[in-house]
């Protein structure tokens, strides 16, 4: 089975691809101190750029994993996330509380299928 790695560094790759499935590493928004809604908008826009670059889109999401600094903030994240998701095509999702670098509210990683 062939596995391809993109934008690889010493400890991780930005994307790994196997059998038409794209595994995106975790990302945070680059703007520390913004509200959770602002960080969500920025990060989801960044993922759309990555999706275009790697041949997928949000209609092909399989799974989303979210690490959030305080589980009580999930409603603010969902305000933006739920508008971003394509109706009827919500991916499997996990959202857990975790220690996130100061100034960030959450980190998100995504698995998506390539577009046909």
PDB file of N, CA and C in Angstrom:
ATOM      1  N   UNK A   1       0.847  -1.166   0.000  1.00  0.00           N
ATOM      2  CA  UNK A   1       0.000   0.000   0.000  1.00  0.00           C
ATOM      3  C   UNK A   1       0.897   1.235   0.000  1.00  0.00           C
ATOM      4  N   UNK A   2       0.616   2.158  -0.898  1.00  0.00           N
ATOM      5  CA  UNK A   2       1.421   3.366  -1.042  1.00  0.00           C
ATOM      6  C   UNK A   2       0.901   4.471  -0.112  1.00  0.00           C
ATOM      7  N   UNK A   3       1.815   5.089   0.617  1.00  0.00           N
ATOM      8  CA  UNK A   3       1.494   6.234   1.453  1.00  0.00           C
ATOM      9  C   UNK A   3       2.378   7.394   0.991  1.00  0.00           C
ATOM     10  N   UNK A   4       1.740   8.550   0.762  1.00  0.00           N
ATOM     11  CA  UNK A   4       2.475   9.754   0.367  1.00  0.00           C
ATOM     12  C   UNK A   4       2.435  10.758   1.514  1.00  0.00           C
ATOM     13  N   UNK A   5       3.545  11.480   1.686  1.00  0.00           N
ATOM     14  CA  UNK A   5       3.649  12.485   2.743  1.00  0.00           C
ATOM     15  C   UNK A   5       3.940  13.837   2.109  1.00  0.00           C
ATOM     16  N   UNK A   6       3.265  14.881   2.587  1.00  0.00           N
ATOM     17  CA  UNK A   6       3.402  16.218   2.021  1.00  0.00           C
ATOM     18  C   UNK A   6       3.809  17.205   3.114  1.00  0.00           C
ATOM     19  N   UNK A   7       4.698  18.095   2.747  1.00  0.00           N
ATOM     20  CA  UNK A   7       5.200  19.122   3.664  1.00  0.00           C
ATOM     21  C   UNK A   7       5.688  18.473   4.956  1.00  0.00           C
ATOM     22  N   UNK A   8       6.587  17.503   4.776  1.00  0.00           N
ATOM     23  CA  UNK A   8       7.094  16.740   5.904  1.00  0.00           C
ATOM     24  C   UNK A   8       8.214  17.470   6.619  1.00  0.00           C
ATOM     25  N   UNK A   9       8.193  17.358   7.933  1.00  0.00           N
ATOM     26  CA  UNK A   9       9.264  17.875   8.770  1.00  0.00           C
ATOM     27  C   UNK A   9       9.837  16.732   9.582  1.00  0.00           C
ATOM     28  N   UNK A  10      10.588  17.079  10.602  1.00  0.00           N
ATOM     29  CA  UNK A  10      11.237  16.064  11.427  1.00  0.00           C
ATOM     30  C   UNK A  10      10.231  15.260  12.254  1.00  0.00           C
ATOM     31  N   UNK A  11       9.132  15.893  12.687  1.00  0.00           N
ATOM     32  CA  UNK A  11       8.202  15.206  13.592  1.00  0.00           C
ATOM     33  C   UNK A  11       6.825  14.934  13.006  1.00  0.00           C
ATOM     34  N   UNK A  12       6.443  15.625  11.941  1.00  0.00           N
ATOM     35  CA  UNK A  12       5.127  15.364  11.348  1.00  0.00           C
ATOM     36  C   UNK A  12       5.073  15.905   9.929  1.00  0.00           C
ATOM     37  N   UNK A  13       4.057  15.461   9.199  1.00  0.00           N
ATOM     38  CA  UNK A  13       3.748  15.964   7.859  1.00  0.00           C
ATOM     39  C   UNK A  13       2.455  16.753   7.946  1.00  0.00           C
ATOM     40  N   UNK A  14       2.315  17.770   7.088  1.00  0.00           N
ATOM     41  CA  UNK A  14       1.065  18.526   7.069  1.00  0.00           C
ATOM     42  C   UNK A  14      -0.076  17.626   6.614  1.00  0.00           C
ATOM     43  N   UNK A  15       0.210  16.754   5.632  1.00  0.00           N
ATOM     44  CA  UNK A  15      -0.811  15.845   5.097  1.00  0.00           C
ATOM     45  C   UNK A  15      -0.143  14.511   4.757  1.00  0.00           C
ATOM     46  N   UNK A  16      -0.852  13.434   5.034  1.00  0.00           N
ATOM     47  CA  UNK A  16      -0.468  12.112   4.558  1.00  0.00           C
ATOM     48  C   UNK A  16      -1.647  11.574   3.750  1.00  0.00           C
ATOM     49  N   UNK A  17      -1.337  10.859   2.657  1.00  0.00           N
ATOM     50  CA  UNK A  17      -2.409  10.331   1.798  1.00  0.00           C
ATOM     51  C   UNK A  17      -2.198   8.844   1.577  1.00  0.00           C
ATOM     52  N   UNK A  18      -3.304   8.095   1.729  1.00  0.00           N
ATOM     53  CA  UNK A  18      -3.269   6.656   1.503  1.00  0.00           C
ATOM     54  C   UNK A  18      -4.631   6.223   0.952  1.00  0.00           C
ATOM     55  N   UNK A  19      -4.626   5.522  -0.167  1.00  0.00           N
ATOM     56  CA  UNK A  19      -5.866   5.012  -0.764  1.00  0.00           C
ATOM     57  C   UNK A  19      -6.938   6.078  -0.939  1.00  0.00           C
ATOM     58  N   UNK A  20      -6.546   7.273  -1.357  1.00  0.00           N
ATOM     59  CA  UNK A  20      -7.513   8.334  -1.615  1.00  0.00           C
ATOM     60  C   UNK A  20      -8.033   9.041  -0.369  1.00  0.00           C
ATOM     61  N   UNK A  21      -7.442   8.740   0.782  1.00  0.00           N
ATOM     62  CA  UNK A  21      -7.834   9.388   2.038  1.00  0.00           C
ATOM     63  C   UNK A  21      -6.711  10.340   2.449  1.00  0.00           C
ATOM     64  N   UNK A  22      -7.088  11.564   2.791  1.00  0.00           N
ATOM     65  CA  UNK A  22      -6.146  12.599   3.207  1.00  0.00           C
ATOM     66  C   UNK A  22      -6.244  12.801   4.713  1.00  0.00           C
ATOM     67  N   UNK A  23      -5.109  12.711   5.371  1.00  0.00           N
ATOM     68  CA  UNK A  23      -5.020  12.883   6.817  1.00  0.00           C
ATOM     69  C   UNK A  23      -4.290  14.194   7.083  1.00  0.00           C
ATOM     70  N   UNK A  24      -5.013  15.193   7.547  1.00  0.00           N
ATOM     71  CA  UNK A  24      -4.439  16.507   7.810  1.00  0.00           C
ATOM     72  C   UNK A  24      -3.986  16.581   9.263  1.00  0.00           C
ATOM     73  N   UNK A  25      -2.803  17.128   9.478  1.00  0.00           N
ATOM     74  CA  UNK A  25      -2.315  17.292  10.851  1.00  0.00           C
ATOM     75  C   UNK A  25      -3.156  18.332  11.579  1.00  0.00           C
ATOM     76  N   UNK A  26      -2.960  18.422  12.878  1.00  0.00           N
ATOM     77  CA  UNK A  26      -3.680  19.400  13.671  1.00  0.00           C
ATOM     78  C   UNK A  26      -3.220  20.815  13.371  1.00  0.00           C
ATOM     79  N   UNK A  27      -4.177  21.735  13.377  1.00  0.00           N
ATOM     80  CA  UNK A  27      -3.897  23.155  13.143  1.00  0.00           C
ATOM     81  C   UNK A  27      -4.595  23.996  14.199  1.00  0.00           C
ATOM     82  N   UNK A  28      -3.972  25.129  14.509  1.00  0.00           N
ATOM     83  CA  UNK A  28      -4.605  26.172  15.313  1.00  0.00           C
ATOM     84  C   UNK A  28      -4.652  27.425  14.456  1.00  0.00           C
ATOM     85  N   UNK A  29      -5.525  28.353  14.807  1.00  0.00           N
ATOM     86  CA  UNK A  29      -5.555  29.642  14.120  1.00  0.00           C
ATOM     87  C   UNK A  29      -4.297  30.415  14.504  1.00  0.00           C
ATOM     88  N   UNK A  30      -3.765  31.169  13.580  1.00  0.00           N
ATOM     89  CA  UNK A  30      -2.541  31.921  13.835  1.00  0.00           C
ATOM     90  C   UNK A  30      -2.719  33.183  14.653  1.00  0.00           C
ATOM     91  N   UNK A  31      -3.935  33.500  15.056  1.00  0.00           N
ATOM     92  CA  UNK A  31      -4.193  34.761  15.753  1.00  0.00           C
ATOM     93  C   UNK A  31      -4.507  34.526  17.227  1.00  0.00           C
ATOM     94  N   UNK A  32      -3.471  34.519  18.041  1.00  0.00           N
ATOM     95  CA  UNK A  32      -3.674  34.394  19.483  1.00  0.00           C
ATOM     96  C   UNK A  32      -4.511  35.554  19.981  1.00  0.00           C
ATOM     97  N   UNK A  33      -5.352  35.284  20.956  1.00  0.00           N
ATOM     98  CA  UNK A  33      -6.119  36.352  21.589  1.00  0.00           C
ATOM     99  C   UNK A  33      -7.446  36.676  20.932  1.00  0.00           C
ATOM    100  N   UNK A  34      -7.703  36.159  19.747  1.00  0.00           N
ATOM    101  CA  UNK A  34      -9.000  36.366  19.097  1.00  0.00           C
ATOM    102  C   UNK A  34     -10.057  35.571  19.866  1.00  0.00           C
ATOM    103  N   UNK A  35     -11.330  35.870  19.644  1.00  0.00           N
ATOM    104  CA  UNK A  35     -12.395  35.082  20.277  1.00  0.00           C
ATOM    105  C   UNK A  35     -12.412  33.685  19.669  1.00  0.00           C
ATOM    106  N   UNK A  36     -13.092  32.777  20.329  1.00  0.00           N
ATOM    107  CA  UNK A  36     -13.180  31.420  19.790  1.00  0.00           C
ATOM    108  C   UNK A  36     -13.891  31.425  18.437  1.00  0.00           C
ATOM    109  N   UNK A  37     -14.886  32.286  18.267  1.00  0.00           N
ATOM    110  CA  UNK A  37     -15.587  32.364  16.986  1.00  0.00           C
ATOM    111  C   UNK A  37     -14.653  32.885  15.887  1.00  0.00           C
ATOM    112  N   UNK A  38     -13.844  33.883  16.201  1.00  0.00           N
ATOM    113  CA  UNK A  38     -12.893  34.411  15.210  1.00  0.00           C
ATOM    114  C   UNK A  38     -11.852  33.356  14.859  1.00  0.00           C
ATOM    115  N   UNK A  39     -11.339  32.670  15.877  1.00  0.00           N
ATOM    116  CA  UNK A  39     -10.376  31.615  15.605  1.00  0.00           C
ATOM    117  C   UNK A  39     -10.998  30.510  14.756  1.00  0.00           C
ATOM    118  N   UNK A  40     -12.250  30.163  15.033  1.00  0.00           N
ATOM    119  CA  UNK A  40     -12.928  29.129  14.247  1.00  0.00           C
ATOM    120  C   UNK A  40     -13.085  29.567  12.789  1.00  0.00           C
ATOM    121  N   UNK A  41     -13.544  30.792  12.564  1.00  0.00           N
ATOM    122  CA  UNK A  41     -13.696  31.282  11.187  1.00  0.00           C
ATOM    123  C   UNK A  41     -12.374  31.237  10.444  1.00  0.00           C
ATOM    124  N   UNK A  42     -11.313  31.713  11.095  1.00  0.00           N
ATOM    125  CA  UNK A  42     -10.001  31.741  10.456  1.00  0.00           C
ATOM    126  C   UNK A  42      -9.470  30.344  10.170  1.00  0.00           C
ATOM    127  N   UNK A  43      -9.609  29.450  11.134  1.00  0.00           N
ATOM    128  CA  UNK A  43      -9.082  28.102  10.947  1.00  0.00           C
ATOM    129  C   UNK A  43      -9.864  27.333   9.893  1.00  0.00           C
ATOM    130  N   UNK A  44     -11.174  27.464   9.891  1.00  0.00           N
ATOM    131  CA  UNK A  44     -11.971  26.769   8.880  1.00  0.00           C
ATOM    132  C   UNK A  44     -11.685  27.304   7.483  1.00  0.00           C
ATOM    133  N   UNK A  45     -11.434  28.598   7.362  1.00  0.00           N
ATOM    134  CA  UNK A  45     -11.034  29.171   6.071  1.00  0.00           C
ATOM    135  C   UNK A  45      -9.678  28.614   5.645  1.00  0.00           C
ATOM    136  N   UNK A  46      -8.770  28.452   6.604  1.00  0.00           N
ATOM    137  CA  UNK A  46      -7.454  27.869   6.303  1.00  0.00           C
ATOM    138  C   UNK A  46      -7.603  26.428   5.836  1.00  0.00           C
ATOM    139  N   UNK A  47      -8.477  25.677   6.483  1.00  0.00           N
ATOM    140  CA  UNK A  47      -8.697  24.302   6.030  1.00  0.00           C
ATOM    141  C   UNK A  47      -9.266  24.263   4.616  1.00  0.00           C
ATOM    142  N   UNK A  48     -10.133  25.202   4.280  1.00  0.00           N
ATOM    143  CA  UNK A  48     -10.647  25.229   2.905  1.00  0.00           C
ATOM    144  C   UNK A  48      -9.525  25.450   1.898  1.00  0.00           C
ATOM    145  N   UNK A  49      -8.565  26.302   2.236  1.00  0.00           N
ATOM    146  CA  UNK A  49      -7.398  26.500   1.370  1.00  0.00           C
ATOM    147  C   UNK A  49      -6.602  25.202   1.227  1.00  0.00           C
ATOM    148  N   UNK A  50      -6.398  24.517   2.350  1.00  0.00           N
ATOM    149  CA  UNK A  50      -5.677  23.243   2.307  1.00  0.00           C
ATOM    150  C   UNK A  50      -6.451  22.196   1.510  1.00  0.00           C
ATOM    151  N   UNK A  51      -7.765  22.161   1.684  1.00  0.00           N
ATOM    152  CA  UNK A  51      -8.571  21.215   0.923  1.00  0.00           C
ATOM    153  C   UNK A  51      -8.389  21.430  -0.579  1.00  0.00           C
ATOM    154  N   UNK A  52      -8.435  22.681  -1.010  1.00  0.00           N
ATOM    155  CA  UNK A  52      -8.248  22.980  -2.430  1.00  0.00           C
ATOM    156  C   UNK A  52      -6.863  22.556  -2.895  1.00  0.00           C
ATOM    157  N   UNK A  53      -5.871  22.836  -2.088  1.00  0.00           N
ATOM    158  CA  UNK A  53      -4.494  22.491  -2.431  1.00  0.00           C
ATOM    159  C   UNK A  53      -4.302  20.978  -2.587  1.00  0.00           C
ATOM    160  N   UNK A  54      -5.003  20.195  -1.774  1.00  0.00           N
ATOM    161  CA  UNK A  54      -4.787  18.756  -1.762  1.00  0.00           C
ATOM    162  C   UNK A  54      -5.912  17.949  -2.404  1.00  0.00           C
ATOM    163  N   UNK A  55      -6.855  18.602  -3.085  1.00  0.00           N
ATOM    164  CA  UNK A  55      -7.824  17.880  -3.902  1.00  0.00           C
ATOM    165  C   UNK A  55      -9.038  17.335  -3.175  1.00  0.00           C
ATOM    166  N   UNK A  56      -9.518  18.088  -2.191  1.00  0.00           N
ATOM    167  CA  UNK A  56     -10.741  17.679  -1.509  1.00  0.00           C
ATOM    168  C   UNK A  56     -11.559  18.926  -1.191  1.00  0.00           C
ATOM    169  N   UNK A  57     -12.646  18.756  -0.483  1.00  0.00           N
ATOM    170  CA  UNK A  57     -13.455  19.888  -0.030  1.00  0.00           C
ATOM    171  C   UNK A  57     -14.266  19.442   1.185  1.00  0.00           C
ATOM    172  N   UNK A  58     -15.006  20.359   1.763  1.00  0.00           N
ATOM    173  CA  UNK A  58     -15.727  20.016   2.991  1.00  0.00           C
ATOM    174  C   UNK A  58     -16.891  19.054   2.764  1.00  0.00           C
ATOM    175  N   UNK A  59     -17.278  18.815   1.523  1.00  0.00           N
ATOM    176  CA  UNK A  59     -18.294  17.797   1.230  1.00  0.00           C
ATOM    177  C   UNK A  59     -17.721  16.383   1.325  1.00  0.00           C
ATOM    178  N   UNK A  60     -16.404  16.275   1.411  1.00  0.00           N
ATOM    179  CA  UNK A  60     -15.741  14.971   1.459  1.00  0.00           C
ATOM    180  C   UNK A  60     -15.105  14.686   2.822  1.00  0.00           C
ATOM    181  N   UNK A  61     -15.519  15.426   3.836  1.00  0.00           N
ATOM    182  CA  UNK A  61     -14.998  15.188   5.183  1.00  0.00           C
ATOM    183  C   UNK A  61     -15.444  13.824   5.690  1.00  0.00           C
ATOM    184  N   UNK A  62     -14.543  13.150   6.355  1.00  0.00           N
ATOM    185  CA  UNK A  62     -14.851  11.861   6.969  1.00  0.00           C
ATOM    186  C   UNK A  62     -14.898  12.016   8.486  1.00  0.00           C
ATOM    187  N   UNK A  63     -13.880  12.673   9.024  1.00  0.00           N
ATOM    188  CA  UNK A  63     -13.771  12.783  10.469  1.00  0.00           C
ATOM    189  C   UNK A  63     -13.068  14.085  10.862  1.00  0.00           C
ATOM    190  N   UNK A  64     -13.506  14.659  11.975  1.00  0.00           N
ATOM    191  CA  UNK A  64     -12.895  15.859  12.544  1.00  0.00           C
ATOM    192  C   UNK A  64     -12.620  15.576  14.020  1.00  0.00           C
ATOM    193  N   UNK A  65     -11.401  15.878  14.452  1.00  0.00           N
ATOM    194  CA  UNK A  65     -11.045  15.768  15.863  1.00  0.00           C
ATOM    195  C   UNK A  65     -10.695  17.157  16.365  1.00  0.00           C
ATOM    196  N   UNK A  66     -11.333  17.558  17.450  1.00  0.00           N
ATOM    197  CA  UNK A  66     -11.135  18.889  18.021  1.00  0.00           C
ATOM    198  C   UNK A  66     -10.650  18.736  19.454  1.00  0.00           C
ATOM    199  N   UNK A  67      -9.548  19.414  19.755  1.00  0.00           N
ATOM    200  CA  UNK A  67      -9.021  19.499  21.108  1.00  0.00           C
ATOM    201  C   UNK A  67      -9.298  20.923  21.570  1.00  0.00           C
ATOM    202  N   UNK A  68     -10.129  21.087  22.594  1.00  0.00           N
ATOM    203  CA  UNK A  68     -10.566  22.406  23.025  1.00  0.00           C
ATOM    204  C   UNK A  68     -10.053  22.678  24.445  1.00  0.00           C
ATOM    205  N   UNK A  69      -9.643  23.909  24.699  1.00  0.00           N
ATOM    206  CA  UNK A  69      -9.022  24.259  25.976  1.00  0.00           C
ATOM    207  C   UNK A  69      -9.995  24.177  27.150  1.00  0.00           C
ATOM    208  N   UNK A  70     -11.270  24.387  26.890  1.00  0.00           N
ATOM    209  CA  UNK A  70     -12.305  24.340  27.936  1.00  0.00           C
ATOM    210  C   UNK A  70     -13.584  23.844  27.281  1.00  0.00           C
ATOM    211  N   UNK A  71     -14.054  22.698  27.687  1.00  0.00           N
ATOM    212  CA  UNK A  71     -15.231  22.097  27.054  1.00  0.00           C
ATOM    213  C   UNK A  71     -16.456  23.011  27.125  1.00  0.00           C
ATOM    214  N   UNK A  72     -16.475  23.926  28.067  1.00  0.00           N
ATOM    215  CA  UNK A  72     -17.588  24.875  28.178  1.00  0.00           C
ATOM    216  C   UNK A  72     -17.614  25.878  27.026  1.00  0.00           C
ATOM    217  N   UNK A  73     -16.556  25.927  26.221  1.00  0.00           N
ATOM    218  CA  UNK A  73     -16.486  26.841  25.077  1.00  0.00           C
ATOM    219  C   UNK A  73     -17.016  26.226  23.781  1.00  0.00           C
ATOM    220  N   UNK A  74     -17.410  24.961  23.838  1.00  0.00           N
ATOM    221  CA  UNK A  74     -17.806  24.267  22.610  1.00  0.00           C
ATOM    222  C   UNK A  74     -18.998  24.923  21.925  1.00  0.00           C
ATOM    223  N   UNK A  75     -19.903  25.525  22.669  1.00  0.00           N
ATOM    224  CA  UNK A  75     -21.057  26.191  22.039  1.00  0.00           C
ATOM    225  C   UNK A  75     -20.601  27.338  21.140  1.00  0.00           C
ATOM    226  N   UNK A  76     -19.612  28.105  21.587  1.00  0.00           N
ATOM    227  CA  UNK A  76     -19.078  29.199  20.757  1.00  0.00           C
ATOM    228  C   UNK A  76     -18.417  28.683  19.497  1.00  0.00           C
ATOM    229  N   UNK A  77     -17.693  27.588  19.607  1.00  0.00           N
ATOM    230  CA  UNK A  77     -17.084  26.959  18.435  1.00  0.00           C
ATOM    231  C   UNK A  77     -18.167  26.465  17.490  1.00  0.00           C
ATOM    232  N   UNK A  78     -19.190  25.810  18.027  1.00  0.00           N
ATOM    233  CA  UNK A  78     -20.262  25.257  17.193  1.00  0.00           C
ATOM    234  C   UNK A  78     -21.055  26.327  16.454  1.00  0.00           C
ATOM    235  N   UNK A  79     -21.119  27.553  16.990  1.00  0.00           N
ATOM    236  CA  UNK A  79     -21.799  28.644  16.279  1.00  0.00           C
ATOM    237  C   UNK A  79     -21.242  28.805  14.871  1.00  0.00           C
ATOM    238  N   UNK A  80     -19.939  28.679  14.755  1.00  0.00           N
ATOM    239  CA  UNK A  80     -19.265  28.844  13.458  1.00  0.00           C
ATOM    240  C   UNK A  80     -19.193  27.508  12.721  1.00  0.00           C
ATOM    241  N   UNK A  81     -18.778  26.465  13.409  1.00  0.00           N
ATOM    242  CA  UNK A  81     -18.588  25.144  12.807  1.00  0.00           C
ATOM    243  C   UNK A  81     -19.870  24.641  12.149  1.00  0.00           C
ATOM    244  N   UNK A  82     -21.001  24.758  12.854  1.00  0.00           N
ATOM    245  CA  UNK A  82     -22.259  24.235  12.319  1.00  0.00           C
ATOM    246  C   UNK A  82     -22.714  24.960  11.053  1.00  0.00           C
ATOM    247  N   UNK A  83     -22.349  26.223  10.908  1.00  0.00           N
ATOM    248  CA  UNK A  83     -22.670  26.964   9.676  1.00  0.00           C
ATOM    249  C   UNK A  83     -21.738  26.560   8.544  1.00  0.00           C
ATOM    250  N   UNK A  84     -20.545  26.124   8.885  1.00  0.00           N
ATOM    251  CA  UNK A  84     -19.529  25.762   7.892  1.00  0.00           C
ATOM    252  C   UNK A  84     -19.788  24.383   7.290  1.00  0.00           C
ATOM    253  N   UNK A  85     -20.288  23.462   8.091  1.00  0.00           N
ATOM    254  CA  UNK A  85     -20.522  22.089   7.641  1.00  0.00           C
ATOM    255  C   UNK A  85     -21.622  22.064   6.583  1.00  0.00           C
ATOM    256  N   UNK A  86     -21.425  21.244   5.562  1.00  0.00           N
ATOM    257  CA  UNK A  86     -22.426  21.078   4.512  1.00  0.00           C
ATOM    258  C   UNK A  86     -23.607  20.287   5.091  1.00  0.00           C
ATOM    259  N   UNK A  87     -24.835  20.831   5.005  1.00  0.00           N
ATOM    260  CA  UNK A  87     -26.006  20.120   5.540  1.00  0.00           C
ATOM    261  C   UNK A  87     -26.106  18.699   4.972  1.00  0.00           C
ATOM    262  N   UNK A  88     -26.345  17.756   5.857  1.00  0.00           N
ATOM    263  CA  UNK A  88     -26.472  16.367   5.443  1.00  0.00           C
ATOM    264  C   UNK A  88     -25.150  15.648   5.262  1.00  0.00           C
ATOM    265  N   UNK A  89     -24.027  16.366   5.442  1.00  0.00           N
ATOM    266  CA  UNK A  89     -22.714  15.746   5.241  1.00  0.00           C
ATOM    267  C   UNK A  89     -21.789  16.006   6.424  1.00  0.00           C
ATOM    268  N   UNK A  90     -22.367  16.037   7.613  1.00  0.00           N
ATOM    269  CA  UNK A  90     -21.551  16.246   8.812  1.00  0.00           C
ATOM    270  C   UNK A  90     -20.642  15.037   9.018  1.00  0.00           C
ATOM    271  N   UNK A  91     -19.354  15.271   9.237  1.00  0.00           N
ATOM    272  CA  UNK A  91     -18.434  14.152   9.447  1.00  0.00           C
ATOM    273  C   UNK A  91     -18.585  13.569  10.847  1.00  0.00           C
ATOM    274  N   UNK A  92     -18.010  12.405  11.051  1.00  0.00           N
ATOM    275  CA  UNK A  92     -17.858  11.895  12.412  1.00  0.00           C
ATOM    276  C   UNK A  92     -17.000  12.927  13.146  1.00  0.00           C
ATOM    277  N   UNK A  93     -17.269  13.139  14.428  1.00  0.00           N
ATOM    278  CA  UNK A  93     -16.536  14.187  15.151  1.00  0.00           C
ATOM    279  C   UNK A  93     -16.287  13.784  16.592  1.00  0.00           C
ATOM    280  N   UNK A  94     -15.115  14.142  17.059  1.00  0.00           N
ATOM    281  CA  UNK A  94     -14.741  13.995  18.454  1.00  0.00           C
ATOM    282  C   UNK A  94     -14.309  15.369  18.929  1.00  0.00           C
ATOM    283  N   UNK A  95     -14.761  15.773  20.111  1.00  0.00           N
ATOM    284  CA  UNK A  95     -14.334  17.040  20.701  1.00  0.00           C
ATOM    285  C   UNK A  95     -14.006  16.758  22.164  1.00  0.00           C
ATOM    286  N   UNK A  96     -12.743  16.946  22.532  1.00  0.00           N
ATOM    287  CA  UNK A  96     -12.308  16.665  23.892  1.00  0.00           C
ATOM    288  C   UNK A  96     -11.545  17.854  24.456  1.00  0.00           C
ATOM    289  N   UNK A  97     -11.645  17.994  25.764  1.00  0.00           N
ATOM    290  CA  UNK A  97     -10.896  19.045  26.439  1.00  0.00           C
ATOM    291  C   UNK A  97      -9.434  18.616  26.546  1.00  0.00           C
ATOM    292  N   UNK A  98      -8.539  19.557  26.243  1.00  0.00           N
ATOM    293  CA  UNK A  98      -7.105  19.262  26.279  1.00  0.00           C
ATOM    294  C   UNK A  98      -6.334  20.547  26.564  1.00  0.00           C
ATOM    295  N   UNK A  99      -5.117  20.378  27.011  1.00  0.00           N
ATOM    296  CA  UNK A  99      -4.263  21.537  27.237  1.00  0.00           C
ATOM    297  C   UNK A  99      -3.778  22.030  25.872  1.00  0.00           C
ATOM    298  N   UNK A 100      -4.105  23.284  25.564  1.00  0.00           N
ATOM    299  CA  UNK A 100      -3.769  23.912  24.288  1.00  0.00           C
ATOM    300  C   UNK A 100      -2.803  25.060  24.593  1.00  0.00           C
ATOM    301  N   UNK A 101      -1.853  25.359  23.700  1.00  0.00           N
ATOM    302  CA  UNK A 101      -0.953  26.481  23.965  1.00  0.00           C
ATOM    303  C   UNK A 101      -1.727  27.767  24.283  1.00  0.00           C
ATOM    304  N   UNK A 102      -1.212  28.539  25.219  1.00  0.00           N
ATOM    305  CA  UNK A 102      -1.875  29.760  25.667  1.00  0.00           C
ATOM    306  C   UNK A 102      -2.187  30.687  24.495  1.00  0.00           C
ATOM    307  N   UNK A 103      -3.380  31.264  24.529  1.00  0.00           N
ATOM    308  CA  UNK A 103      -3.819  32.180  23.476  1.00  0.00           C
ATOM    309  C   UNK A 103      -4.668  31.521  22.408  1.00  0.00           C
ATOM    310  N   UNK A 104      -4.696  30.184  22.415  1.00  0.00           N
ATOM    311  CA  UNK A 104      -5.511  29.446  21.459  1.00  0.00           C
ATOM    312  C   UNK A 104      -6.639  28.744  22.210  1.00  0.00           C
ATOM    313  N   UNK A 105      -7.787  28.631  21.564  1.00  0.00           N
ATOM    314  CA  UNK A 105      -8.912  27.946  22.181  1.00  0.00           C
ATOM    315  C   UNK A 105      -9.015  26.483  21.772  1.00  0.00           C
ATOM    316  N   UNK A 106      -8.569  26.163  20.547  1.00  0.00           N
ATOM    317  CA  UNK A 106      -8.714  24.782  20.090  1.00  0.00           C
ATOM    318  C   UNK A 106      -7.731  24.470  18.975  1.00  0.00           C
ATOM    319  N   UNK A 107      -7.528  23.175  18.798  1.00  0.00           N
ATOM    320  CA  UNK A 107      -6.757  22.631  17.684  1.00  0.00           C
ATOM    321  C   UNK A 107      -7.654  21.618  16.990  1.00  0.00           C
ATOM    322  N   UNK A 108      -7.528  21.533  15.676  1.00  0.00           N
ATOM    323  CA  UNK A 108      -8.413  20.658  14.915  1.00  0.00           C
ATOM    324  C   UNK A 108      -7.610  19.871  13.893  1.00  0.00           C
ATOM    325  N   UNK A 109      -7.899  18.584  13.778  1.00  0.00           N
ATOM    326  CA  UNK A 109      -7.333  17.772  12.698  1.00  0.00           C
ATOM    327  C   UNK A 109      -8.483  17.141  11.922  1.00  0.00           C
ATOM    328  N   UNK A 110      -8.216  16.850  10.656  1.00  0.00           N
ATOM    329  CA  UNK A 110      -9.277  16.446   9.739  1.00  0.00           C
ATOM    330  C   UNK A 110      -8.834  15.250   8.909  1.00  0.00           C
ATOM    331  N   UNK A 111      -9.771  14.382   8.611  1.00  0.00           N
ATOM    332  CA  UNK A 111      -9.575  13.307   7.636  1.00  0.00           C
ATOM    333  C   UNK A 111     -10.636  13.506   6.561  1.00  0.00           C
ATOM    334  N   UNK A 112     -10.213  13.482   5.300  1.00  0.00           N
ATOM    335  CA  UNK A 112     -11.137  13.688   4.187  1.00  0.00           C
ATOM    336  C   UNK A 112     -10.784  12.789   3.012  1.00  0.00           C
ATOM    337  N   UNK A 113     -11.777  12.465   2.222  1.00  0.00           N
ATOM    338  CA  UNK A 113     -11.552  11.703   0.992  1.00  0.00           C
ATOM    339  C   UNK A 113     -11.228  12.667  -0.145  1.00  0.00           C
ATOM    340  N   UNK A 114     -10.407  12.209  -1.072  1.00  0.00           N
ATOM    341  CA  UNK A 114     -10.147  12.996  -2.269  1.00  0.00           C
ATOM    342  C   UNK A 114     -11.435  13.115  -3.072  1.00  0.00           C
ATOM    343  N   UNK A 115     -11.570  14.241  -3.788  1.00  0.00           N
ATOM    344  CA  UNK A 115     -12.706  14.371  -4.708  1.00  0.00           C
ATOM    345  C   UNK A 115     -12.482  13.438  -5.890  1.00  0.00           C
ATOM    346  N   UNK A 116     -13.575  12.970  -6.460  1.00  0.00           N
ATOM    347  CA  UNK A 116     -13.481  12.103  -7.654  1.00  0.00           C
ATOM    348  C   UNK A 116     -13.004  12.883  -8.850  1.00  0.00           C
TER     349      UNK A 116
END
